[in-house]
PDB file of all heavy atoms in Angstrom:
ATOM      1  N   ASN A   1      -9.034  -3.703  12.397  1.00  0.00           N
ATOM      2  CA  ASN A   1      -8.002  -3.081  11.567  1.00  0.00           C
ATOM      3  C   ASN A   1      -6.814  -3.990  11.349  1.00  0.00           C
ATOM      4  O   ASN A   1      -5.701  -3.502  11.057  1.00  0.00           O
ATOM      5  CB  ASN A   1      -7.534  -1.741  12.134  1.00  0.00           C
ATOM      6  CG  ASN A   1      -8.657  -0.714  12.173  1.00  0.00           C
ATOM      7  OD1 ASN A   1      -9.510  -0.722  11.299  1.00  0.00           O
ATOM      8  ND2 ASN A   1      -8.637   0.189  13.170  1.00  0.00           N
ATOM      9  N   ILE A   2      -6.956  -5.277  11.531  1.00  0.00           N
ATOM     10  CA  ILE A   2      -5.891  -6.278  11.270  1.00  0.00           C
ATOM     11  C   ILE A   2      -6.096  -6.886   9.852  1.00  0.00           C
ATOM     12  O   ILE A   2      -7.119  -7.364   9.593  1.00  0.00           O
ATOM     13  CB  ILE A   2      -5.890  -7.378  12.329  1.00  0.00           C
ATOM     14  CG1 ILE A   2      -5.752  -6.826  13.749  1.00  0.00           C
ATOM     15  CG2 ILE A   2      -4.765  -8.370  12.037  1.00  0.00           C
ATOM     16  CD1 ILE A   2      -5.954  -7.889  14.815  1.00  0.00           C
ATOM     17  N   PRO A   3      -5.094  -6.764   8.968  1.00  0.00           N
ATOM     18  CA  PRO A   3      -5.241  -7.401   7.688  1.00  0.00           C
ATOM     19  C   PRO A   3      -5.556  -8.868   7.829  1.00  0.00           C
ATOM     20  O   PRO A   3      -4.845  -9.637   8.542  1.00  0.00           O
ATOM     21  CB  PRO A   3      -3.838  -7.214   7.019  1.00  0.00           C
ATOM     22  CG  PRO A   3      -3.274  -6.017   7.769  1.00  0.00           C
ATOM     23  CD  PRO A   3      -3.796  -6.122   9.170  1.00  0.00           C
ATOM     24  N   THR A   4      -6.670  -9.336   7.215  1.00  0.00           N
ATOM     25  CA  THR A   4      -7.155 -10.715   7.400  1.00  0.00           C
ATOM     26  C   THR A   4      -7.594 -11.250   6.054  1.00  0.00           C
ATOM     27  O   THR A   4      -8.196 -10.554   5.229  1.00  0.00           O
ATOM     28  CB  THR A   4      -8.423 -10.713   8.336  1.00  0.00           C
ATOM     29  OG1 THR A   4      -8.045 -10.069   9.538  1.00  0.00           O
ATOM     30  CG2 THR A   4      -8.846 -12.140   8.641  1.00  0.00           C
ATOM     31  N   ARG A   5      -7.234 -12.539   5.826  1.00  0.00           N
ATOM     32  CA  ARG A   5      -7.674 -13.173   4.626  1.00  0.00           C
ATOM     33  C   ARG A   5      -8.089 -14.638   4.902  1.00  0.00           C
ATOM     34  O   ARG A   5      -7.598 -15.241   5.817  1.00  0.00           O
ATOM     35  CB  ARG A   5      -6.652 -13.144   3.503  1.00  0.00           C
ATOM     36  CG  ARG A   5      -5.443 -14.073   3.698  1.00  0.00           C
ATOM     37  CD  ARG A   5      -4.451 -13.927   2.524  1.00  0.00           C
ATOM     38  NE  ARG A   5      -3.473 -14.946   2.424  1.00  0.00           N
ATOM     39  CZ  ARG A   5      -2.310 -14.989   3.066  1.00  0.00           C
ATOM     40  NH1 ARG A   5      -2.023 -13.971   3.869  1.00  0.00           N
ATOM     41  NH2 ARG A   5      -1.498 -15.975   2.923  1.00  0.00           N
ATOM     42  N   ALA A   6      -9.036 -15.109   4.127  1.00  0.00           N
ATOM     43  CA  ALA A   6      -9.470 -16.508   4.182  1.00  0.00           C
ATOM     44  C   ALA A   6      -8.933 -17.252   3.004  1.00  0.00           C
ATOM     45  O   ALA A   6      -9.087 -16.834   1.845  1.00  0.00           O
ATOM     46  CB  ALA A   6     -10.996 -16.540   4.231  1.00  0.00           C
ATOM     47  N   GLU A   7      -8.339 -18.396   3.248  1.00  0.00           N
ATOM     48  CA  GLU A   7      -7.754 -19.237   2.172  1.00  0.00           C
ATOM     49  C   GLU A   7      -8.463 -20.606   2.119  1.00  0.00           C
ATOM     50  O   GLU A   7      -8.734 -21.185   3.139  1.00  0.00           O
ATOM     51  CB  GLU A   7      -6.261 -19.459   2.456  1.00  0.00           C
ATOM     52  CG  GLU A   7      -5.390 -18.246   2.286  1.00  0.00           C
ATOM     53  CD  GLU A   7      -4.760 -18.227   0.839  1.00  0.00           C
ATOM     54  OE1 GLU A   7      -5.176 -19.033   0.006  1.00  0.00           O
ATOM     55  OE2 GLU A   7      -3.923 -17.389   0.659  1.00  0.00           O
ATOM     56  N   ILE A   8      -8.702 -21.066   0.889  1.00  0.00           N
ATOM     57  CA  ILE A   8      -9.189 -22.429   0.714  1.00  0.00           C
ATOM     58  C   ILE A   8      -8.045 -23.389   1.030  1.00  0.00           C
ATOM     59  O   ILE A   8      -6.943 -23.273   0.419  1.00  0.00           O
ATOM     60  CB  ILE A   8      -9.734 -22.642  -0.716  1.00  0.00           C
ATOM     61  CG1 ILE A   8     -10.934 -21.696  -0.952  1.00  0.00           C
ATOM     62  CG2 ILE A   8     -10.126 -24.085  -0.919  1.00  0.00           C
ATOM     63  CD1 ILE A   8     -11.374 -21.686  -2.393  1.00  0.00           C
ATOM     64  N   ALA A   9      -8.229 -24.301   1.930  1.00  0.00           N
ATOM     65  CA  ALA A   9      -7.096 -25.131   2.409  1.00  0.00           C
ATOM     66  C   ALA A   9      -6.468 -25.933   1.269  1.00  0.00           C
ATOM     67  O   ALA A   9      -5.186 -26.040   1.258  1.00  0.00           O
ATOM     68  CB  ALA A   9      -7.587 -26.094   3.482  1.00  0.00           C
ATOM     69  N   SER A  10      -7.232 -26.418   0.345  1.00  0.00           N
ATOM     70  CA  SER A  10      -6.654 -27.252  -0.732  1.00  0.00           C
ATOM     71  C   SER A  10      -5.781 -26.430  -1.676  1.00  0.00           C
ATOM     72  O   SER A  10      -4.900 -26.921  -2.389  1.00  0.00           O
ATOM     73  CB  SER A  10      -7.773 -27.941  -1.512  1.00  0.00           C
ATOM     74  OG  SER A  10      -8.679 -26.964  -2.042  1.00  0.00           O
ATOM     75  N   GLU A  11      -6.017 -25.084  -1.733  1.00  0.00           N
ATOM     76  CA  GLU A  11      -5.207 -24.184  -2.538  1.00  0.00           C
ATOM     77  C   GLU A  11      -3.962 -23.779  -1.681  1.00  0.00           C
ATOM     78  O   GLU A  11      -2.853 -23.747  -2.186  1.00  0.00           O
ATOM     79  CB  GLU A  11      -5.974 -22.975  -2.957  1.00  0.00           C
ATOM     80  CG  GLU A  11      -7.053 -23.280  -3.989  1.00  0.00           C
ATOM     81  CD  GLU A  11      -6.453 -23.716  -5.294  1.00  0.00           C
ATOM     82  OE1 GLU A  11      -5.419 -23.170  -5.770  1.00  0.00           O
ATOM     83  OE2 GLU A  11      -6.994 -24.724  -5.890  1.00  0.00           O
ATOM     84  N   PHE A  12      -4.234 -23.428  -0.440  1.00  0.00           N
ATOM     85  CA  PHE A  12      -3.156 -22.914   0.442  1.00  0.00           C
ATOM     86  C   PHE A  12      -2.019 -23.977   0.571  1.00  0.00           C
ATOM     87  O   PHE A  12      -0.837 -23.550   0.509  1.00  0.00           O
ATOM     88  CB  PHE A  12      -3.746 -22.632   1.808  1.00  0.00           C
ATOM     89  CG  PHE A  12      -2.687 -22.335   2.860  1.00  0.00           C
ATOM     90  CD1 PHE A  12      -2.109 -21.092   2.939  1.00  0.00           C
ATOM     91  CD2 PHE A  12      -2.251 -23.267   3.807  1.00  0.00           C
ATOM     92  CE1 PHE A  12      -1.150 -20.789   3.895  1.00  0.00           C
ATOM     93  CE2 PHE A  12      -1.310 -23.003   4.675  1.00  0.00           C
ATOM     94  CZ  PHE A  12      -0.733 -21.748   4.772  1.00  0.00           C
ATOM     95  N   ARG A  13      -2.305 -25.200   0.644  1.00  0.00           N
ATOM     96  CA  ARG A  13      -1.317 -26.228   0.931  1.00  0.00           C
ATOM     97  C   ARG A  13      -0.317 -26.394  -0.233  1.00  0.00           C
ATOM     98  O   ARG A  13       0.795 -26.893  -0.061  1.00  0.00           O
ATOM     99  CB  ARG A  13      -1.922 -27.527   1.283  1.00  0.00           C
ATOM    100  CG  ARG A  13      -2.700 -28.232   0.168  1.00  0.00           C
ATOM    101  CD  ARG A  13      -3.293 -29.554   0.622  1.00  0.00           C
ATOM    102  NE  ARG A  13      -2.313 -30.554   1.006  1.00  0.00           N
ATOM    103  CZ  ARG A  13      -2.609 -31.833   1.259  1.00  0.00           C
ATOM    104  NH1 ARG A  13      -3.870 -32.273   1.186  1.00  0.00           N
ATOM    105  NH2 ARG A  13      -1.667 -32.712   1.539  1.00  0.00           N
ATOM    106  N   TYR A  14      -0.727 -26.014  -1.425  1.00  0.00           N
ATOM    107  CA  TYR A  14       0.120 -26.115  -2.578  1.00  0.00           C
ATOM    108  C   TYR A  14       0.649 -24.821  -3.138  1.00  0.00           C
ATOM    109  O   TYR A  14       1.289 -24.747  -4.209  1.00  0.00           O
ATOM    110  CB  TYR A  14      -0.594 -26.913  -3.680  1.00  0.00           C
ATOM    111  CG  TYR A  14      -0.861 -28.343  -3.286  1.00  0.00           C
ATOM    112  CD1 TYR A  14      -2.131 -28.836  -3.083  1.00  0.00           C
ATOM    113  CD2 TYR A  14       0.194 -29.260  -3.078  1.00  0.00           C
ATOM    114  CE1 TYR A  14      -2.333 -30.155  -2.688  1.00  0.00           C
ATOM    115  CE2 TYR A  14       0.012 -30.540  -2.690  1.00  0.00           C
ATOM    116  CZ  TYR A  14      -1.260 -31.018  -2.503  1.00  0.00           C
ATOM    117  OH  TYR A  14      -1.496 -32.278  -2.087  1.00  0.00           O
ATOM    118  N   LYS A  15       0.379 -23.711  -2.463  1.00  0.00           N
ATOM    119  CA  LYS A  15       0.923 -22.432  -2.825  1.00  0.00           C
ATOM    120  C   LYS A  15       2.217 -22.190  -2.018  1.00  0.00           C
ATOM    121  O   LYS A  15       2.428 -22.769  -0.960  1.00  0.00           O
ATOM    122  CB  LYS A  15      -0.015 -21.276  -2.459  1.00  0.00           C
ATOM    123  CG  LYS A  15      -1.269 -21.167  -3.321  1.00  0.00           C
ATOM    124  CD  LYS A  15      -2.283 -20.221  -2.739  1.00  0.00           C
ATOM    125  CE  LYS A  15      -1.749 -18.833  -2.552  1.00  0.00           C
ATOM    126  NZ  LYS A  15      -2.700 -17.936  -1.949  1.00  0.00           N
ATOM    127  N   HIS A  16       3.048 -21.362  -2.595  1.00  0.00           N
ATOM    128  CA  HIS A  16       4.246 -20.938  -1.826  1.00  0.00           C
ATOM    129  C   HIS A  16       3.810 -19.753  -1.025  1.00  0.00           C
ATOM    130  O   HIS A  16       4.142 -18.601  -1.375  1.00  0.00           O
ATOM    131  CB  HIS A  16       5.418 -20.625  -2.779  1.00  0.00           C
ATOM    132  CG  HIS A  16       6.635 -20.177  -2.059  1.00  0.00           C
ATOM    133  ND1 HIS A  16       7.382 -21.085  -1.285  1.00  0.00           N
ATOM    134  CD2 HIS A  16       7.262 -19.012  -2.018  1.00  0.00           C
ATOM    135  CE1 HIS A  16       8.399 -20.446  -0.771  1.00  0.00           C
ATOM    136  NE2 HIS A  16       8.380 -19.145  -1.175  1.00  0.00           N
ATOM    137  N   THR A  17       3.133 -20.019   0.065  1.00  0.00           N
ATOM    138  CA  THR A  17       2.676 -18.929   0.905  1.00  0.00           C
ATOM    139  C   THR A  17       3.670 -18.623   2.039  1.00  0.00           C
ATOM    140  O   THR A  17       4.027 -19.522   2.778  1.00  0.00           O
ATOM    141  CB  THR A  17       1.301 -19.295   1.571  1.00  0.00           C
ATOM    142  OG1 THR A  17       0.378 -19.520   0.488  1.00  0.00           O
ATOM    143  CG2 THR A  17       0.796 -18.132   2.442  1.00  0.00           C
ATOM    144  N   VAL A  18       4.079 -17.381   2.084  1.00  0.00           N
ATOM    145  CA  VAL A  18       4.973 -16.964   3.206  1.00  0.00           C
ATOM    146  C   VAL A  18       4.097 -16.339   4.289  1.00  0.00           C
ATOM    147  O   VAL A  18       3.435 -15.353   4.087  1.00  0.00           O
ATOM    148  CB  VAL A  18       6.008 -15.977   2.700  1.00  0.00           C
ATOM    149  CG1 VAL A  18       6.906 -15.514   3.826  1.00  0.00           C
ATOM    150  CG2 VAL A  18       6.870 -16.547   1.590  1.00  0.00           C
ATOM    151  N   ILE A  19       4.171 -16.942   5.488  1.00  0.00           N
ATOM    152  CA  ILE A  19       3.363 -16.450   6.575  1.00  0.00           C
ATOM    153  C   ILE A  19       4.235 -15.468   7.374  1.00  0.00           C
ATOM    154  O   ILE A  19       5.307 -15.823   7.890  1.00  0.00           O
ATOM    155  CB  ILE A  19       2.920 -17.597   7.503  1.00  0.00           C
ATOM    156  CG1 ILE A  19       2.048 -18.584   6.698  1.00  0.00           C
ATOM    157  CG2 ILE A  19       2.154 -17.043   8.703  1.00  0.00           C
ATOM    158  CD1 ILE A  19       1.552 -19.796   7.496  1.00  0.00           C
ATOM    159  N   ALA A  20       3.823 -14.239   7.424  1.00  0.00           N
ATOM    160  CA  ALA A  20       4.577 -13.163   8.036  1.00  0.00           C
ATOM    161  C   ALA A  20       4.690 -13.424   9.560  1.00  0.00           C
ATOM    162  O   ALA A  20       3.825 -14.042  10.180  1.00  0.00           O
ATOM    163  CB  ALA A  20       3.934 -11.817   7.757  1.00  0.00           C
ATOM    164  N   PRO A  21       5.720 -12.890  10.159  1.00  0.00           N
ATOM    165  CA  PRO A  21       5.818 -12.938  11.620  1.00  0.00           C
ATOM    166  C   PRO A  21       4.598 -12.313  12.289  1.00  0.00           C
ATOM    167  O   PRO A  21       3.968 -11.422  11.750  1.00  0.00           O
ATOM    168  CB  PRO A  21       7.105 -12.152  11.991  1.00  0.00           C
ATOM    169  CG  PRO A  21       7.901 -12.183  10.696  1.00  0.00           C
ATOM    170  CD  PRO A  21       6.885 -12.202   9.548  1.00  0.00           C
ATOM    171  N   LYS A  22       4.299 -12.791  13.489  1.00  0.00           N
ATOM    172  CA  LYS A  22       3.130 -12.276  14.245  1.00  0.00           C
ATOM    173  C   LYS A  22       1.789 -12.477  13.540  1.00  0.00           C
ATOM    174  O   LYS A  22       0.845 -11.671  13.674  1.00  0.00           O
ATOM    175  CB  LYS A  22       3.328 -10.813  14.624  1.00  0.00           C
ATOM    176  CG  LYS A  22       4.558 -10.535  15.507  1.00  0.00           C
ATOM    177  CD  LYS A  22       4.626  -9.109  15.974  1.00  0.00           C
ATOM    178  CE  LYS A  22       5.838  -8.831  16.833  1.00  0.00           C
ATOM    179  NZ  LYS A  22       5.953  -7.431  17.258  1.00  0.00           N
ATOM    180  N   THR A  23       1.769 -13.559  12.736  1.00  0.00           N
ATOM    181  CA  THR A  23       0.456 -13.915  12.116  1.00  0.00           C
ATOM    182  C   THR A  23      -0.258 -14.940  12.972  1.00  0.00           C
ATOM    183  O   THR A  23       0.328 -15.926  13.426  1.00  0.00           O
ATOM    184  CB  THR A  23       0.698 -14.511  10.697  1.00  0.00           C
ATOM    185  OG1 THR A  23       1.247 -13.507   9.837  1.00  0.00           O
ATOM    186  CG2 THR A  23      -0.574 -14.992  10.097  1.00  0.00           C
ATOM    187  N   LEU A  24      -1.529 -14.712  13.179  1.00  0.00           N
ATOM    188  CA  LEU A  24      -2.389 -15.705  13.861  1.00  0.00           C
ATOM    189  C   LEU A  24      -3.081 -16.533  12.761  1.00  0.00           C
ATOM    190  O   LEU A  24      -3.735 -15.950  11.884  1.00  0.00           O
ATOM    191  CB  LEU A  24      -3.436 -15.031  14.752  1.00  0.00           C
ATOM    192  CG  LEU A  24      -4.459 -15.924  15.356  1.00  0.00           C
ATOM    193  CD1 LEU A  24      -3.883 -16.931  16.367  1.00  0.00           C
ATOM    194  CD2 LEU A  24      -5.590 -15.143  16.002  1.00  0.00           C
ATOM    195  N   VAL A  25      -2.909 -17.824  12.751  1.00  0.00           N
ATOM    196  CA  VAL A  25      -3.513 -18.731  11.777  1.00  0.00           C
ATOM    197  C   VAL A  25      -4.705 -19.483  12.479  1.00  0.00           C
ATOM    198  O   VAL A  25      -4.487 -20.163  13.431  1.00  0.00           O
ATOM    199  CB  VAL A  25      -2.510 -19.719  11.210  1.00  0.00           C
ATOM    200  CG1 VAL A  25      -3.174 -20.681  10.252  1.00  0.00           C
ATOM    201  CG2 VAL A  25      -1.409 -18.978  10.462  1.00  0.00           C
TER     202      VAL A  25
END
């Protein structure tokens, strides 16, 4: 029940992604 998503690294690195507190990467 934890919100989870998979990101393509080459896209993630150039997005303005805000990582919420208490996020496990």
